[in-house]
Amino acid sequence: MKRLLPLLALLALSGCATTETTYLNNGEQGLAIDCSGEANSWAACYEKADASCAGTGYRIVGTNGTPSPAESDKTLGVDVGNYKNRSVVVVCK
């Protein structure tokens, strides 16, 4: 059990972008990509979009997320304790 707890903690902190099929108001099929969390970044969203569209390219339809804090709001230069929300909706070309 002592070995299992650190593993579970590591899995909880590690980031993984998730993709879900969605439909836009005009009927077009798109992908809703969620890459929230401390371990992820906007780059993870775009990498997941590129991989999900099989290298054919994509068009960003919308983004939603927590903005980056100002340098003065960071503790010792690091943004500590703020959960990051990031999501993007794309349409593959």
N, C-alpha and C. Protein backbone atom coordinates (compact mmCIF):
# COMPACT_ATOMS: atom_id res chain seq x y z
N MET A 1 0.82 -1.19 0.00
CA MET A 1 0.00 0.00 0.00
C MET A 1 0.87 1.26 0.00
N LYS A 2 2.03 1.20 0.67
CA LYS A 2 2.91 2.36 0.72
C LYS A 2 3.45 2.71 -0.65
N ARG A 3 3.58 1.75 -1.52
CA ARG A 3 4.07 2.01 -2.87
C ARG A 3 2.95 2.49 -3.78
N LEU A 4 1.74 2.16 -3.46
CA LEU A 4 0.61 2.53 -4.29
C LEU A 4 0.24 4.01 -4.14
N LEU A 5 0.34 4.56 -2.95
CA LEU A 5 -0.03 5.96 -2.72
C LEU A 5 0.82 6.94 -3.52
N PRO A 6 2.14 6.81 -3.53
CA PRO A 6 2.92 7.74 -4.37
C PRO A 6 2.58 7.62 -5.85
N LEU A 7 2.31 6.41 -6.30
CA LEU A 7 1.94 6.22 -7.70
C LEU A 7 0.62 6.91 -8.02
N LEU A 8 -0.34 6.78 -7.15
CA LEU A 8 -1.63 7.45 -7.35
C LEU A 8 -1.48 8.96 -7.32
N ALA A 9 -0.64 9.46 -6.43
CA ALA A 9 -0.40 10.91 -6.36
C ALA A 9 0.25 11.40 -7.65
N LEU A 10 1.19 10.65 -8.17
CA LEU A 10 1.84 11.02 -9.42
C LEU A 10 0.86 11.03 -10.58
N LEU A 11 0.00 10.04 -10.65
CA LEU A 11 -1.00 10.00 -11.71
C LEU A 11 -1.99 11.15 -11.61
N ALA A 12 -2.32 11.54 -10.39
CA ALA A 12 -3.26 12.65 -10.20
C ALA A 12 -2.66 13.97 -10.64
N LEU A 13 -1.34 14.14 -10.46
CA LEU A 13 -0.69 15.39 -10.82
C LEU A 13 -0.30 15.45 -12.28
N SER A 14 -0.10 14.31 -12.90
CA SER A 14 0.32 14.31 -14.30
C SER A 14 -0.83 14.74 -15.19
N GLY A 15 -0.49 15.43 -16.24
CA GLY A 15 -1.51 15.98 -17.12
C GLY A 15 -1.79 15.10 -18.30
N CYS A 16 -3.01 15.16 -18.75
CA CYS A 16 -3.40 14.39 -19.92
C CYS A 16 -4.53 15.16 -20.59
N ALA A 17 -4.33 15.55 -21.82
CA ALA A 17 -5.37 16.26 -22.55
C ALA A 17 -6.41 15.26 -23.01
N THR A 18 -7.67 15.60 -22.82
CA THR A 18 -8.77 14.72 -23.23
C THR A 18 -9.51 15.35 -24.41
N THR A 19 -9.99 14.50 -25.29
CA THR A 19 -10.68 14.94 -26.49
C THR A 19 -12.08 14.35 -26.52
N GLU A 20 -13.04 15.17 -26.91
CA GLU A 20 -14.42 14.72 -27.01
C GLU A 20 -15.03 15.30 -28.28
N THR A 21 -15.75 14.50 -29.01
CA THR A 21 -16.42 14.96 -30.23
C THR A 21 -17.58 15.88 -29.84
N THR A 22 -17.71 16.97 -30.59
CA THR A 22 -18.79 17.91 -30.34
C THR A 22 -19.31 18.40 -31.69
N TYR A 23 -20.48 19.00 -31.67
CA TYR A 23 -21.06 19.54 -32.89
C TYR A 23 -21.32 21.02 -32.70
N LEU A 24 -20.91 21.80 -33.68
CA LEU A 24 -21.09 23.24 -33.64
C LEU A 24 -22.52 23.60 -34.02
N ASN A 25 -22.89 24.86 -33.81
CA ASN A 25 -24.25 25.30 -34.14
C ASN A 25 -24.59 25.14 -35.61
N ASN A 26 -23.57 25.22 -36.48
CA ASN A 26 -23.82 25.07 -37.92
C ASN A 26 -23.83 23.62 -38.38
N GLY A 27 -23.73 22.67 -37.42
CA GLY A 27 -23.76 21.25 -37.74
C GLY A 27 -22.40 20.62 -38.00
N GLU A 28 -21.37 21.44 -38.06
CA GLU A 28 -20.02 20.94 -38.29
C GLU A 28 -19.55 20.14 -37.08
N GLN A 29 -18.82 19.06 -37.35
CA GLN A 29 -18.27 18.25 -36.27
C GLN A 29 -16.92 18.81 -35.85
N GLY A 30 -16.73 18.93 -34.55
CA GLY A 30 -15.48 19.46 -34.03
C GLY A 30 -14.98 18.61 -32.88
N LEU A 31 -13.87 19.02 -32.31
CA LEU A 31 -13.28 18.35 -31.17
C LEU A 31 -13.16 19.34 -30.03
N ALA A 32 -13.66 18.96 -28.87
CA ALA A 32 -13.49 19.75 -27.65
C ALA A 32 -12.33 19.12 -26.90
N ILE A 33 -11.26 19.88 -26.71
CA ILE A 33 -10.05 19.37 -26.08
C ILE A 33 -9.87 20.08 -24.75
N ASP A 34 -9.75 19.29 -23.68
CA ASP A 34 -9.55 19.83 -22.34
C ASP A 34 -8.14 19.49 -21.90
N CYS A 35 -7.35 20.49 -21.61
CA CYS A 35 -5.97 20.27 -21.13
C CYS A 35 -5.75 21.11 -19.88
N SER A 36 -6.67 20.98 -18.95
CA SER A 36 -6.59 21.71 -17.70
C SER A 36 -5.58 21.06 -16.76
N GLY A 37 -5.17 21.82 -15.77
CA GLY A 37 -4.30 21.29 -14.73
C GLY A 37 -2.93 21.92 -14.73
N GLU A 38 -2.24 21.75 -13.64
CA GLU A 38 -0.91 22.32 -13.46
C GLU A 38 0.11 21.72 -14.42
N ALA A 39 -0.02 20.44 -14.72
CA ALA A 39 0.99 19.75 -15.53
C ALA A 39 0.83 20.00 -17.02
N ASN A 40 -0.25 20.59 -17.45
CA ASN A 40 -0.50 20.84 -18.87
C ASN A 40 -0.24 22.29 -19.22
N SER A 41 -0.34 22.59 -20.51
CA SER A 41 -0.17 23.95 -21.01
C SER A 41 -1.04 24.09 -22.26
N TRP A 42 -1.08 25.32 -22.79
CA TRP A 42 -1.81 25.51 -24.04
C TRP A 42 -1.15 24.70 -25.14
N ALA A 43 0.14 24.53 -25.07
CA ALA A 43 0.84 23.73 -26.08
C ALA A 43 0.32 22.30 -26.09
N ALA A 44 -0.04 21.76 -24.92
CA ALA A 44 -0.59 20.41 -24.85
C ALA A 44 -1.92 20.33 -25.60
N CYS A 45 -2.72 21.39 -25.51
CA CYS A 45 -3.99 21.43 -26.25
C CYS A 45 -3.74 21.36 -27.75
N TYR A 46 -2.80 22.17 -28.22
CA TYR A 46 -2.54 22.24 -29.65
C TYR A 46 -1.87 20.97 -30.17
N GLU A 47 -1.02 20.36 -29.36
CA GLU A 47 -0.42 19.08 -29.75
C GLU A 47 -1.47 17.99 -29.86
N LYS A 48 -2.43 17.99 -28.92
CA LYS A 48 -3.51 17.00 -28.95
C LYS A 48 -4.40 17.25 -30.17
N ALA A 49 -4.65 18.51 -30.51
CA ALA A 49 -5.45 18.83 -31.69
C ALA A 49 -4.76 18.34 -32.95
N ASP A 50 -3.45 18.56 -33.05
CA ASP A 50 -2.70 18.12 -34.22
C ASP A 50 -2.71 16.60 -34.34
N ALA A 51 -2.53 15.92 -33.21
CA ALA A 51 -2.54 14.45 -33.22
C ALA A 51 -3.94 13.91 -33.54
N SER A 52 -4.96 14.55 -33.04
CA SER A 52 -6.34 14.09 -33.26
C SER A 52 -6.78 14.31 -34.70
N CYS A 53 -6.22 15.31 -35.35
CA CYS A 53 -6.59 15.60 -36.74
C CYS A 53 -5.66 14.89 -37.72
N ALA A 54 -4.84 13.98 -37.24
CA ALA A 54 -3.98 13.12 -38.06
C ALA A 54 -3.09 13.92 -39.01
N GLY A 55 -2.61 15.06 -38.54
CA GLY A 55 -1.67 15.84 -39.34
C GLY A 55 -2.28 16.60 -40.50
N THR A 56 -3.61 16.61 -40.63
CA THR A 56 -4.25 17.33 -41.73
C THR A 56 -4.43 18.80 -41.42
N GLY A 57 -4.17 19.18 -40.18
CA GLY A 57 -4.36 20.57 -39.77
C GLY A 57 -5.72 20.77 -39.13
N TYR A 58 -5.87 21.90 -38.48
CA TYR A 58 -7.13 22.20 -37.79
C TYR A 58 -7.35 23.70 -37.75
N ARG A 59 -8.60 24.06 -37.51
CA ARG A 59 -8.99 25.46 -37.37
C ARG A 59 -9.52 25.63 -35.95
N ILE A 60 -9.01 26.61 -35.23
CA ILE A 60 -9.46 26.86 -33.87
C ILE A 60 -10.77 27.62 -33.92
N VAL A 61 -11.80 27.07 -33.28
CA VAL A 61 -13.12 27.69 -33.26
C VAL A 61 -13.30 28.52 -32.00
N GLY A 62 -12.75 28.06 -30.88
CA GLY A 62 -12.88 28.81 -29.64
C GLY A 62 -11.92 28.29 -28.59
N THR A 63 -11.58 29.18 -27.67
CA THR A 63 -10.73 28.81 -26.54
C THR A 63 -11.36 29.36 -25.26
N ASN A 64 -11.05 28.70 -24.17
CA ASN A 64 -11.52 29.15 -22.88
C ASN A 64 -10.47 28.74 -21.86
N GLY A 65 -10.11 29.63 -20.97
CA GLY A 65 -9.11 29.24 -19.99
C GLY A 65 -8.74 30.32 -19.01
N THR A 66 -8.00 29.91 -18.03
CA THR A 66 -7.50 30.81 -17.00
C THR A 66 -6.32 31.58 -17.58
N PRO A 67 -6.37 32.89 -17.52
CA PRO A 67 -5.24 33.66 -18.05
C PRO A 67 -3.99 33.49 -17.19
N SER A 68 -2.85 33.70 -17.79
CA SER A 68 -1.59 33.62 -17.05
C SER A 68 -1.52 34.79 -16.06
N PRO A 69 -1.04 34.53 -14.85
CA PRO A 69 -0.95 35.60 -13.86
C PRO A 69 0.18 36.57 -14.18
N ALA A 70 0.06 37.77 -13.68
CA ALA A 70 1.13 38.76 -13.82
C ALA A 70 2.32 38.32 -12.98
N GLU A 71 3.50 38.73 -13.36
CA GLU A 71 4.71 38.36 -12.62
C GLU A 71 4.60 38.77 -11.15
N SER A 72 3.95 39.90 -10.88
CA SER A 72 3.83 40.37 -9.50
C SER A 72 2.90 39.50 -8.66
N ASP A 73 2.06 38.69 -9.30
CA ASP A 73 1.14 37.81 -8.58
C ASP A 73 1.75 36.45 -8.27
N LYS A 74 2.95 36.19 -8.77
CA LYS A 74 3.59 34.89 -8.56
C LYS A 74 4.39 34.89 -7.25
N THR A 75 4.55 33.71 -6.67
CA THR A 75 5.34 33.54 -5.47
C THR A 75 6.71 33.03 -5.86
N LEU A 76 7.74 33.82 -5.62
CA LEU A 76 9.11 33.47 -6.00
C LEU A 76 9.21 33.13 -7.48
N GLY A 77 8.44 33.82 -8.29
CA GLY A 77 8.48 33.62 -9.73
C GLY A 77 7.69 32.45 -10.25
N VAL A 78 6.93 31.78 -9.36
CA VAL A 78 6.16 30.60 -9.76
C VAL A 78 4.70 30.81 -9.38
N ASP A 79 3.80 30.40 -10.25
CA ASP A 79 2.37 30.47 -9.97
C ASP A 79 1.98 29.25 -9.15
N VAL A 80 1.88 29.42 -7.85
CA VAL A 80 1.67 28.32 -6.92
C VAL A 80 0.19 28.19 -6.54
N GLY A 81 -0.33 26.98 -6.62
CA GLY A 81 -1.64 26.67 -6.08
C GLY A 81 -2.83 27.07 -6.90
N ASN A 82 -2.65 27.59 -8.08
CA ASN A 82 -3.79 27.97 -8.90
C ASN A 82 -4.05 26.88 -9.94
N TYR A 83 -5.24 26.31 -9.92
CA TYR A 83 -5.59 25.29 -10.90
C TYR A 83 -5.89 25.97 -12.22
N LYS A 84 -5.30 25.49 -13.26
CA LYS A 84 -5.45 26.09 -14.58
C LYS A 84 -6.56 25.39 -15.36
N ASN A 85 -7.49 26.19 -15.86
CA ASN A 85 -8.52 25.68 -16.76
C ASN A 85 -8.15 26.07 -18.18
N ARG A 86 -8.10 25.09 -19.06
CA ARG A 86 -7.80 25.34 -20.46
C ARG A 86 -8.64 24.40 -21.32
N SER A 87 -9.30 24.95 -22.31
CA SER A 87 -10.01 24.11 -23.27
C SER A 87 -10.04 24.84 -24.62
N VAL A 88 -10.06 24.06 -25.67
CA VAL A 88 -10.08 24.60 -27.01
C VAL A 88 -11.01 23.74 -27.86
N VAL A 89 -11.73 24.36 -28.77
CA VAL A 89 -12.59 23.63 -29.72
C VAL A 89 -12.00 23.85 -31.10
N VAL A 90 -11.74 22.74 -31.79
CA VAL A 90 -11.15 22.82 -33.13
C VAL A 90 -11.98 22.01 -34.12
N VAL A 91 -11.79 22.35 -35.39
CA VAL A 91 -12.40 21.59 -36.50
C VAL A 91 -11.25 21.14 -37.38
N CYS A 92 -11.16 19.86 -37.64
CA CYS A 92 -10.11 19.32 -38.51
C CYS A 92 -10.37 19.73 -39.95
N LYS A 93 -9.29 19.99 -40.67
CA LYS A 93 -9.41 20.39 -42.10
C LYS A 93 -9.53 19.18 -42.98
